[in-house]
PDB file of N, CA and C in Angstrom:
ATOM      1  N   UNK A   1      -4.379 -18.185 -35.542  1.00  0.00           N
ATOM      2  CA  UNK A   1      -5.546 -17.811 -34.771  1.00  0.00           C
ATOM      3  C   UNK A   1      -5.135 -16.648 -33.864  1.00  0.00           C
ATOM      4  N   UNK A   2      -5.929 -15.582 -33.898  1.00  0.00           N
ATOM      5  CA  UNK A   2      -5.615 -14.434 -33.086  1.00  0.00           C
ATOM      6  C   UNK A   2      -6.123 -14.611 -31.646  1.00  0.00           C
ATOM      7  N   UNK A   3      -5.806 -13.644 -30.791  1.00  0.00           N
ATOM      8  CA  UNK A   3      -6.144 -13.744 -29.377  1.00  0.00           C
ATOM      9  C   UNK A   3      -7.626 -13.855 -29.113  1.00  0.00           C
ATOM     10  N   UNK A   4      -8.420 -13.038 -29.794  1.00  0.00           N
ATOM     11  CA  UNK A   4      -9.864 -13.082 -29.590  1.00  0.00           C
ATOM     12  C   UNK A   4     -10.456 -14.435 -30.004  1.00  0.00           C
ATOM     13  N   UNK A   5      -9.933 -14.976 -31.086  1.00  0.00           N
ATOM     14  CA  UNK A   5     -10.390 -16.304 -31.536  1.00  0.00           C
ATOM     15  C   UNK A   5     -10.021 -17.378 -30.529  1.00  0.00           C
ATOM     16  N   UNK A   6      -8.797 -17.269 -29.960  1.00  0.00           N
ATOM     17  CA  UNK A   6      -8.370 -18.242 -28.937  1.00  0.00           C
ATOM     18  C   UNK A   6      -9.261 -18.167 -27.701  1.00  0.00           C
ATOM     19  N   UNK A   7      -9.605 -16.954 -27.287  1.00  0.00           N
ATOM     20  CA  UNK A   7     -10.471 -16.798 -26.123  1.00  0.00           C
ATOM     21  C   UNK A   7     -11.858 -17.367 -26.408  1.00  0.00           C
ATOM     22  N   UNK A   8     -12.394 -17.091 -27.577  1.00  0.00           N
ATOM     23  CA  UNK A   8     -13.709 -17.624 -27.943  1.00  0.00           C
ATOM     24  C   UNK A   8     -13.685 -19.153 -27.981  1.00  0.00           C
ATOM     25  N   UNK A   9     -12.631 -19.728 -28.497  1.00  0.00           N
ATOM     26  CA  UNK A   9     -12.505 -21.192 -28.534  1.00  0.00           C
ATOM     27  C   UNK A   9     -12.464 -21.743 -27.124  1.00  0.00           C
ATOM     28  N   UNK A  10     -11.698 -21.104 -26.256  1.00  0.00           N
ATOM     29  CA  UNK A  10     -11.612 -21.564 -24.860  1.00  0.00           C
ATOM     30  C   UNK A  10     -12.928 -21.367 -24.129  1.00  0.00           C
ATOM     31  N   UNK A  11     -13.621 -20.294 -24.404  1.00  0.00           N
ATOM     32  CA  UNK A  11     -14.948 -20.056 -23.804  1.00  0.00           C
ATOM     33  C   UNK A  11     -15.888 -21.224 -24.169  1.00  0.00           C
ATOM     34  N   UNK A  12     -15.879 -21.601 -25.418  1.00  0.00           N
ATOM     35  CA  UNK A  12     -16.703 -22.727 -25.868  1.00  0.00           C
ATOM     36  C   UNK A  12     -16.277 -24.022 -25.222  1.00  0.00           C
ATOM     37  N   UNK A  13     -14.973 -24.248 -25.112  1.00  0.00           N
ATOM     38  CA  UNK A  13     -14.459 -25.447 -24.468  1.00  0.00           C
ATOM     39  C   UNK A  13     -14.893 -25.534 -23.008  1.00  0.00           C
ATOM     40  N   UNK A  14     -14.775 -24.410 -22.292  1.00  0.00           N
ATOM     41  CA  UNK A  14     -15.175 -24.397 -20.893  1.00  0.00           C
ATOM     42  C   UNK A  14     -16.672 -24.687 -20.756  1.00  0.00           C
ATOM     43  N   UNK A  15     -17.443 -24.172 -21.663  1.00  0.00           N
ATOM     44  CA  UNK A  15     -18.898 -24.363 -21.585  1.00  0.00           C
ATOM     45  C   UNK A  15     -19.284 -25.810 -21.922  1.00  0.00           C
ATOM     46  N   UNK A  16     -18.650 -26.360 -22.940  1.00  0.00           N
ATOM     47  CA  UNK A  16     -19.034 -27.701 -23.394  1.00  0.00           C
ATOM     48  C   UNK A  16     -18.308 -28.808 -22.659  1.00  0.00           C
ATOM     49  N   UNK A  17     -16.989 -28.790 -22.727  1.00  0.00           N
ATOM     50  CA  UNK A  17     -16.219 -29.894 -22.175  1.00  0.00           C
ATOM     51  C   UNK A  17     -16.117 -29.869 -20.665  1.00  0.00           C
ATOM     52  N   UNK A  18     -15.986 -28.695 -20.107  1.00  0.00           N
ATOM     53  CA  UNK A  18     -15.874 -28.579 -18.651  1.00  0.00           C
ATOM     54  C   UNK A  18     -17.242 -28.641 -17.986  1.00  0.00           C
ATOM     55  N   UNK A  19     -18.295 -28.587 -18.780  1.00  0.00           N
ATOM     56  CA  UNK A  19     -19.643 -28.706 -18.240  1.00  0.00           C
ATOM     57  C   UNK A  19     -20.157 -27.467 -17.517  1.00  0.00           C
ATOM     58  N   UNK A  20     -19.509 -26.330 -17.731  1.00  0.00           N
ATOM     59  CA  UNK A  20     -19.992 -25.107 -17.095  1.00  0.00           C
ATOM     60  C   UNK A  20     -21.263 -24.647 -17.762  1.00  0.00           C
ATOM     61  N   UNK A  21     -22.228 -24.229 -16.968  1.00  0.00           N
ATOM     62  CA  UNK A  21     -23.496 -23.721 -17.504  1.00  0.00           C
ATOM     63  C   UNK A  21     -23.688 -22.273 -17.114  1.00  0.00           C
ATOM     64  N   UNK A  22     -24.592 -21.596 -17.820  1.00  0.00           N
ATOM     65  CA  UNK A  22     -24.936 -20.229 -17.483  1.00  0.00           C
ATOM     66  C   UNK A  22     -25.510 -20.148 -16.075  1.00  0.00           C
ATOM     67  N   UNK A  23     -26.333 -21.131 -15.737  1.00  0.00           N
ATOM     68  CA  UNK A  23     -26.954 -21.126 -14.400  1.00  0.00           C
ATOM     69  C   UNK A  23     -25.872 -21.260 -13.319  1.00  0.00           C
ATOM     70  N   UNK A  24     -24.874 -22.078 -13.551  1.00  0.00           N
ATOM     71  CA  UNK A  24     -23.786 -22.190 -12.554  1.00  0.00           C
ATOM     72  C   UNK A  24     -23.013 -20.883 -12.474  1.00  0.00           C
ATOM     73  N   UNK A  25     -22.726 -20.275 -13.618  1.00  0.00           N
ATOM     74  CA  UNK A  25     -22.028 -18.986 -13.607  1.00  0.00           C
ATOM     75  C   UNK A  25     -22.833 -17.929 -12.850  1.00  0.00           C
ATOM     76  N   UNK A  26     -24.134 -17.941 -13.026  1.00  0.00           N
ATOM     77  CA  UNK A  26     -24.984 -16.935 -12.346  1.00  0.00           C
ATOM     78  C   UNK A  26     -24.959 -17.043 -10.846  1.00  0.00           C
ATOM     79  N   UNK A  27     -24.616 -18.242 -10.321  1.00  0.00           N
ATOM     80  CA  UNK A  27     -24.519 -18.416  -8.868  1.00  0.00           C
ATOM     81  C   UNK A  27     -23.188 -17.879  -8.315  1.00  0.00           C
ATOM     82  N   UNK A  28     -22.239 -17.601  -9.186  1.00  0.00           N
ATOM     83  CA  UNK A  28     -20.912 -17.135  -8.766  1.00  0.00           C
ATOM     84  C   UNK A  28     -20.908 -15.623  -8.658  1.00  0.00           C
ATOM     85  N   UNK A  29     -21.562 -15.113  -7.646  1.00  0.00           N
ATOM     86  CA  UNK A  29     -21.708 -13.660  -7.498  1.00  0.00           C
ATOM     87  C   UNK A  29     -20.733 -13.041  -6.515  1.00  0.00           C
ATOM     88  N   UNK A  30     -19.641 -13.740  -6.231  1.00  0.00           N
ATOM     89  CA  UNK A  30     -18.597 -13.186  -5.372  1.00  0.00           C
ATOM     90  C   UNK A  30     -17.293 -13.002  -6.139  1.00  0.00           C
ATOM     91  N   UNK A  31     -17.419 -12.725  -7.416  1.00  0.00           N
ATOM     92  CA  UNK A  31     -16.288 -12.461  -8.287  1.00  0.00           C
ATOM     93  C   UNK A  31     -15.371 -13.659  -8.522  1.00  0.00           C
ATOM     94  N   UNK A  32     -15.914 -14.876  -8.339  1.00  0.00           N
ATOM     95  CA  UNK A  32     -15.092 -16.079  -8.519  1.00  0.00           C
ATOM     96  C   UNK A  32     -14.521 -16.202  -9.920  1.00  0.00           C
ATOM     97  N   UNK A  33     -15.316 -15.892 -10.921  1.00  0.00           N
ATOM     98  CA  UNK A  33     -14.846 -15.991 -12.297  1.00  0.00           C
ATOM     99  C   UNK A  33     -13.686 -15.022 -12.549  1.00  0.00           C
ATOM    100  N   UNK A  34     -13.843 -13.795 -12.060  1.00  0.00           N
ATOM    101  CA  UNK A  34     -12.785 -12.793 -12.239  1.00  0.00           C
ATOM    102  C   UNK A  34     -11.527 -13.175 -11.459  1.00  0.00           C
ATOM    103  N   UNK A  35     -11.714 -13.697 -10.245  1.00  0.00           N
ATOM    104  CA  UNK A  35     -10.547 -14.122  -9.453  1.00  0.00           C
ATOM    105  C   UNK A  35      -9.788 -15.247 -10.145  1.00  0.00           C
ATOM    106  N   UNK A  36     -10.518 -16.251 -10.659  1.00  0.00           N
ATOM    107  CA  UNK A  36      -9.867 -17.335 -11.355  1.00  0.00           C
ATOM    108  C   UNK A  36      -9.100 -16.795 -12.573  1.00  0.00           C
ATOM    109  N   UNK A  37      -9.687 -15.835 -13.261  1.00  0.00           N
ATOM    110  CA  UNK A  37      -9.037 -15.239 -14.426  1.00  0.00           C
ATOM    111  C   UNK A  37      -7.722 -14.579 -14.029  1.00  0.00           C
ATOM    112  N   UNK A  38      -7.712 -13.887 -12.880  1.00  0.00           N
ATOM    113  CA  UNK A  38      -6.471 -13.208 -12.459  1.00  0.00           C
ATOM    114  C   UNK A  38      -5.358 -14.208 -12.191  1.00  0.00           C
ATOM    115  N   UNK A  39      -5.733 -15.375 -11.656  1.00  0.00           N
ATOM    116  CA  UNK A  39      -4.703 -16.381 -11.381  1.00  0.00           C
ATOM    117  C   UNK A  39      -4.071 -16.868 -12.673  1.00  0.00           C
ATOM    118  N   UNK A  40      -4.914 -17.190 -13.652  1.00  0.00           N
ATOM    119  CA  UNK A  40      -4.371 -17.631 -14.953  1.00  0.00           C
ATOM    120  C   UNK A  40      -3.586 -16.513 -15.654  1.00  0.00           C
ATOM    121  N   UNK A  41      -4.024 -15.284 -15.469  1.00  0.00           N
ATOM    122  CA  UNK A  41      -3.352 -14.158 -16.129  1.00  0.00           C
ATOM    123  C   UNK A  41      -2.014 -13.810 -15.479  1.00  0.00           C
ATOM    124  N   UNK A  42      -1.835 -14.157 -14.227  1.00  0.00           N
ATOM    125  CA  UNK A  42      -0.597 -13.867 -13.523  1.00  0.00           C
ATOM    126  C   UNK A  42       0.508 -14.786 -14.085  1.00  0.00           C
ATOM    127  N   UNK A  43       1.672 -14.216 -14.412  1.00  0.00           N
ATOM    128  CA  UNK A  43       2.758 -15.052 -14.894  1.00  0.00           C
ATOM    129  C   UNK A  43       3.104 -16.153 -13.885  1.00  0.00           C
ATOM    130  N   UNK A  44       3.362 -17.357 -14.350  1.00  0.00           N
ATOM    131  CA  UNK A  44       3.606 -18.483 -13.434  1.00  0.00           C
ATOM    132  C   UNK A  44       4.658 -18.214 -12.354  1.00  0.00           C
ATOM    133  N   UNK A  45       5.704 -17.512 -12.680  1.00  0.00           N
ATOM    134  CA  UNK A  45       6.743 -17.255 -11.693  1.00  0.00           C
ATOM    135  C   UNK A  45       6.357 -16.168 -10.680  1.00  0.00           C
ATOM    136  N   UNK A  46       5.201 -15.565 -10.837  1.00  0.00           N
ATOM    137  CA  UNK A  46       4.722 -14.540  -9.915  1.00  0.00           C
ATOM    138  C   UNK A  46       3.541 -15.006  -9.065  1.00  0.00           C
ATOM    139  N   UNK A  47       3.083 -16.231  -9.292  1.00  0.00           N
ATOM    140  CA  UNK A  47       1.944 -16.775  -8.542  1.00  0.00           C
ATOM    141  C   UNK A  47       2.380 -17.169  -7.139  1.00  0.00           C
ATOM    142  N   UNK A  48       1.466 -16.913  -6.207  1.00  0.00           N
ATOM    143  CA  UNK A  48       1.671 -17.284  -4.817  1.00  0.00           C
ATOM    144  C   UNK A  48       0.756 -18.469  -4.497  1.00  0.00           C
ATOM    145  N   UNK A  49       1.253 -19.453  -3.751  1.00  0.00           N
ATOM    146  CA  UNK A  49       0.490 -20.643  -3.406  1.00  0.00           C
ATOM    147  C   UNK A  49       0.385 -20.805  -1.908  1.00  0.00           C
ATOM    148  N   UNK A  50      -0.724 -21.417  -1.465  1.00  0.00           N
ATOM    149  CA  UNK A  50      -0.834 -21.709  -0.044  1.00  0.00           C
ATOM    150  C   UNK A  50      -0.138 -23.029   0.252  1.00  0.00           C
ATOM    151  N   UNK A  51      -0.204 -23.510   1.490  1.00  0.00           N
ATOM    152  CA  UNK A  51       0.531 -24.719   1.870  1.00  0.00           C
ATOM    153  C   UNK A  51      -0.029 -25.976   1.212  1.00  0.00           C
ATOM    154  N   UNK A  52      -1.221 -25.909   0.647  1.00  0.00           N
ATOM    155  CA  UNK A  52      -1.825 -27.056  -0.035  1.00  0.00           C
ATOM    156  C   UNK A  52      -1.569 -27.031  -1.552  1.00  0.00           C
ATOM    157  N   UNK A  53      -0.829 -26.031  -2.015  1.00  0.00           N
ATOM    158  CA  UNK A  53      -0.535 -25.934  -3.443  1.00  0.00           C
ATOM    159  C   UNK A  53      -1.609 -25.239  -4.258  1.00  0.00           C
ATOM    160  N   UNK A  54      -2.557 -24.626  -3.557  1.00  0.00           N
ATOM    161  CA  UNK A  54      -3.615 -23.897  -4.238  1.00  0.00           C
ATOM    162  C   UNK A  54      -3.158 -22.448  -4.450  1.00  0.00           C
ATOM    163  N   UNK A  55      -3.300 -21.940  -5.669  1.00  0.00           N
ATOM    164  CA  UNK A  55      -2.890 -20.554  -5.896  1.00  0.00           C
ATOM    165  C   UNK A  55      -3.679 -19.572  -5.030  1.00  0.00           C
ATOM    166  N   UNK A  56      -2.965 -18.577  -4.518  1.00  0.00           N
ATOM    167  CA  UNK A  56      -3.631 -17.523  -3.776  1.00  0.00           C
ATOM    168  C   UNK A  56      -4.650 -16.879  -4.669  1.00  0.00           C
ATOM    169  N   UNK A  57      -5.826 -16.586  -4.157  1.00  0.00           N
ATOM    170  CA  UNK A  57      -6.948 -15.983  -4.859  1.00  0.00           C
ATOM    171  C   UNK A  57      -7.714 -16.993  -5.707  1.00  0.00           C
ATOM    172  N   UNK A  58      -7.269 -18.258  -5.770  1.00  0.00           N
ATOM    173  CA  UNK A  58      -8.028 -19.247  -6.530  1.00  0.00           C
ATOM    174  C   UNK A  58      -9.329 -19.515  -5.770  1.00  0.00           C
ATOM    175  N   UNK A  59     -10.486 -19.328  -6.448  1.00  0.00           N
ATOM    176  CA  UNK A  59     -11.757 -19.392  -5.719  1.00  0.00           C
ATOM    177  C   UNK A  59     -12.336 -20.794  -5.502  1.00  0.00           C
ATOM    178  N   UNK A  60     -11.719 -21.786  -6.077  1.00  0.00           N
ATOM    179  CA  UNK A  60     -12.280 -23.122  -6.027  1.00  0.00           C
ATOM    180  C   UNK A  60     -11.271 -24.120  -5.471  1.00  0.00           C
ATOM    181  N   UNK A  61     -11.606 -25.386  -5.471  1.00  0.00           N
ATOM    182  CA  UNK A  61     -10.728 -26.421  -4.962  1.00  0.00           C
ATOM    183  C   UNK A  61      -9.569 -26.675  -5.923  1.00  0.00           C
ATOM    184  N   UNK A  62      -8.562 -27.355  -5.399  1.00  0.00           N
ATOM    185  CA  UNK A  62      -7.366 -27.637  -6.192  1.00  0.00           C
ATOM    186  C   UNK A  62      -7.665 -28.463  -7.425  1.00  0.00           C
ATOM    187  N   UNK A  63      -8.656 -29.358  -7.347  1.00  0.00           N
ATOM    188  CA  UNK A  63      -8.942 -30.197  -8.521  1.00  0.00           C
ATOM    189  C   UNK A  63      -9.516 -29.431  -9.688  1.00  0.00           C
ATOM    190  N   UNK A  64      -9.914 -28.190  -9.461  1.00  0.00           N
ATOM    191  CA  UNK A  64     -10.405 -27.340 -10.549  1.00  0.00           C
ATOM    192  C   UNK A  64      -9.309 -26.434 -11.127  1.00  0.00           C
ATOM    193  N   UNK A  65      -8.139 -26.489 -10.561  1.00  0.00           N
ATOM    194  CA  UNK A  65      -6.996 -25.729 -11.046  1.00  0.00           C
ATOM    195  C   UNK A  65      -6.291 -26.544 -12.113  1.00  0.00           C
ATOM    196  N   UNK A  66      -6.251 -26.027 -13.342  1.00  0.00           N
ATOM    197  CA  UNK A  66      -5.615 -26.760 -14.422  1.00  0.00           C
ATOM    198  C   UNK A  66      -4.689 -25.854 -15.225  1.00  0.00           C
ATOM    199  N   UNK A  67      -3.523 -25.571 -14.643  1.00  0.00           N
ATOM    200  CA  UNK A  67      -2.581 -24.691 -15.353  1.00  0.00           C
ATOM    201  C   UNK A  67      -2.007 -25.374 -16.596  1.00  0.00           C
ATOM    202  N   UNK A  68      -1.500 -24.571 -17.472  1.00  0.00           N
ATOM    203  CA  UNK A  68      -0.808 -25.042 -18.668  1.00  0.00           C
ATOM    204  C   UNK A  68       0.599 -24.447 -18.598  1.00  0.00           C
ATOM    205  N   UNK A  69       1.468 -24.983 -17.734  1.00  0.00           N
ATOM    206  CA  UNK A  69       2.747 -24.341 -17.449  1.00  0.00           C
ATOM    207  C   UNK A  69       3.661 -24.129 -18.641  1.00  0.00           C
ATOM    208  N   UNK A  70       3.490 -24.929 -19.688  1.00  0.00           N
ATOM    209  CA  UNK A  70       4.346 -24.779 -20.846  1.00  0.00           C
ATOM    210  C   UNK A  70       3.658 -24.060 -21.997  1.00  0.00           C
ATOM    211  N   UNK A  71       2.492 -23.467 -21.728  1.00  0.00           N
ATOM    212  CA  UNK A  71       1.746 -22.790 -22.796  1.00  0.00           C
ATOM    213  C   UNK A  71       1.106 -21.531 -22.269  1.00  0.00           C
ATOM    214  N   UNK A  72       1.875 -20.461 -22.249  1.00  0.00           N
ATOM    215  CA  UNK A  72       1.393 -19.170 -21.720  1.00  0.00           C
ATOM    216  C   UNK A  72       0.164 -18.660 -22.488  1.00  0.00           C
ATOM    217  N   UNK A  73       0.134 -18.890 -23.764  1.00  0.00           N
ATOM    218  CA  UNK A  73      -1.010 -18.419 -24.550  1.00  0.00           C
ATOM    219  C   UNK A  73      -2.281 -19.149 -24.106  1.00  0.00           C
ATOM    220  N   UNK A  74      -2.194 -20.438 -23.816  1.00  0.00           N
ATOM    221  CA  UNK A  74      -3.330 -21.203 -23.346  1.00  0.00           C
ATOM    222  C   UNK A  74      -3.835 -20.652 -22.003  1.00  0.00           C
ATOM    223  N   UNK A  75      -2.943 -20.335 -21.111  1.00  0.00           N
ATOM    224  CA  UNK A  75      -3.351 -19.776 -19.823  1.00  0.00           C
ATOM    225  C   UNK A  75      -4.022 -18.424 -20.019  1.00  0.00           C
ATOM    226  N   UNK A  76      -3.508 -17.602 -20.895  1.00  0.00           N
ATOM    227  CA  UNK A  76      -4.129 -16.300 -21.138  1.00  0.00           C
ATOM    228  C   UNK A  76      -5.499 -16.467 -21.794  1.00  0.00           C
ATOM    229  N   UNK A  77      -5.655 -17.477 -22.634  1.00  0.00           N
ATOM    230  CA  UNK A  77      -6.959 -17.756 -23.248  1.00  0.00           C
ATOM    231  C   UNK A  77      -7.953 -18.192 -22.156  1.00  0.00           C
ATOM    232  N   UNK A  78      -7.514 -18.972 -21.199  1.00  0.00           N
ATOM    233  CA  UNK A  78      -8.384 -19.370 -20.081  1.00  0.00           C
ATOM    234  C   UNK A  78      -8.791 -18.119 -19.301  1.00  0.00           C
ATOM    235  N   UNK A  79      -7.836 -17.240 -19.035  1.00  0.00           N
ATOM    236  CA  UNK A  79      -8.162 -16.013 -18.313  1.00  0.00           C
ATOM    237  C   UNK A  79      -9.168 -15.170 -19.073  1.00  0.00           C
ATOM    238  N   UNK A  80      -8.946 -15.035 -20.367  1.00  0.00           N
ATOM    239  CA  UNK A  80      -9.879 -14.249 -21.200  1.00  0.00           C
ATOM    240  C   UNK A  80     -11.270 -14.827 -21.224  1.00  0.00           C
ATOM    241  N   UNK A  81     -11.362 -16.149 -21.312  1.00  0.00           N
ATOM    242  CA  UNK A  81     -12.687 -16.795 -21.349  1.00  0.00           C
ATOM    243  C   UNK A  81     -13.395 -16.606 -20.016  1.00  0.00           C
ATOM    244  N   UNK A  82     -12.652 -16.682 -18.925  1.00  0.00           N
ATOM    245  CA  UNK A  82     -13.277 -16.465 -17.606  1.00  0.00           C
ATOM    246  C   UNK A  82     -13.734 -15.016 -17.439  1.00  0.00           C
ATOM    247  N   UNK A  83     -12.964 -14.084 -17.964  1.00  0.00           N
ATOM    248  CA  UNK A  83     -13.401 -12.657 -17.936  1.00  0.00           C
ATOM    249  C   UNK A  83     -14.661 -12.477 -18.758  1.00  0.00           C
ATOM    250  N   UNK A  84     -14.711 -13.095 -19.936  1.00  0.00           N
ATOM    251  CA  UNK A  84     -15.906 -13.009 -20.777  1.00  0.00           C
ATOM    252  C   UNK A  84     -17.117 -13.577 -20.047  1.00  0.00           C
ATOM    253  N   UNK A  85     -16.926 -14.694 -19.360  1.00  0.00           N
ATOM    254  CA  UNK A  85     -18.016 -15.309 -18.594  1.00  0.00           C
ATOM    255  C   UNK A  85     -18.478 -14.382 -17.468  1.00  0.00           C
ATOM    256  N   UNK A  86     -17.538 -13.707 -16.823  1.00  0.00           N
ATOM    257  CA  UNK A  86     -17.888 -12.778 -15.753  1.00  0.00           C
ATOM    258  C   UNK A  86     -18.655 -11.565 -16.295  1.00  0.00           C
ATOM    259  N   UNK A  87     -18.234 -11.071 -17.450  1.00  0.00           N
ATOM    260  CA  UNK A  87     -18.972  -9.947 -18.077  1.00  0.00           C
ATOM    261  C   UNK A  87     -20.385 -10.390 -18.384  1.00  0.00           C
ATOM    262  N   UNK A  88     -20.541 -11.575 -18.961  1.00  0.00           N
ATOM    263  CA  UNK A  88     -21.884 -12.072 -19.294  1.00  0.00           C
ATOM    264  C   UNK A  88     -22.714 -12.255 -18.036  1.00  0.00           C
ATOM    265  N   UNK A  89     -22.105 -12.779 -16.960  1.00  0.00           N
ATOM    266  CA  UNK A  89     -22.839 -12.988 -15.710  1.00  0.00           C
ATOM    267  C   UNK A  89     -23.334 -11.660 -15.142  1.00  0.00           C
ATOM    268  N   UNK A  90     -22.472 -10.651 -15.143  1.00  0.00           N
ATOM    269  CA  UNK A  90     -22.863  -9.335 -14.637  1.00  0.00           C
ATOM    270  C   UNK A  90     -23.983  -8.735 -15.473  1.00  0.00           C
ATOM    271  N   UNK A  91     -23.874  -8.854 -16.762  1.00  0.00           N
ATOM    272  CA  UNK A  91     -24.935  -8.325 -17.662  1.00  0.00           C
ATOM    273  C   UNK A  91     -26.265  -9.027 -17.396  1.00  0.00           C
ATOM    274  N   UNK A  92     -26.250 -10.350 -17.213  1.00  0.00           N
ATOM    275  CA  UNK A  92     -27.514 -11.072 -16.915  1.00  0.00           C
ATOM    276  C   UNK A  92     -28.063 -10.615 -15.566  1.00  0.00           C
ATOM    277  N   UNK A  93     -27.194 -10.425 -14.580  1.00  0.00           N
ATOM    278  CA  UNK A  93     -27.628  -9.991 -13.251  1.00  0.00           C
ATOM    279  C   UNK A  93     -28.285  -8.598 -13.325  1.00  0.00           C
ATOM    280  N   UNK A  94     -27.819  -7.778 -14.226  1.00  0.00           N
ATOM    281  CA  UNK A  94     -28.381  -6.425 -14.417  1.00  0.00           C
ATOM    282  C   UNK A  94     -29.655  -6.440 -15.264  1.00  0.00           C
ATOM    283  N   UNK A  95     -29.970  -7.598 -15.842  1.00  0.00           N
ATOM    284  CA  UNK A  95     -31.137  -7.710 -16.692  1.00  0.00           C
ATOM    285  C   UNK A  95     -30.887  -7.234 -18.115  1.00  0.00           C
ATOM    286  N   UNK A  96     -29.600  -7.142 -18.476  1.00  0.00           N
ATOM    287  CA  UNK A  96     -29.253  -6.720 -19.834  1.00  0.00           C
ATOM    288  C   UNK A  96     -29.310  -7.928 -20.776  1.00  0.00           C
ATOM    289  N   UNK A  97     -29.642  -7.664 -22.027  1.00  0.00           N
ATOM    290  CA  UNK A  97     -29.706  -8.727 -23.005  1.00  0.00           C
ATOM    291  C   UNK A  97     -28.343  -9.222 -23.406  1.00  0.00           C
TER     292      UNK A  97
END
């Protein structure tokens, strides 16, 4: 499976299994999706954490942070899916099809 296929699979997983909806994404207009993507895209040894163990720039609570420390490809797929969701959110906000 290539990278684009992995991202598409993760996008579907986030939408179905994680219960994320388009309407919920549309409410995230402070770049939360993009920020979450940057955290997953950052190599694990380069991530900064606050005193509660939440990654710096993580836009949500700790219970929504689900790293895959032994699977870098999985984390990059999560980042890619979040970027795709942010692109879609911006396009909907602009009224684009």
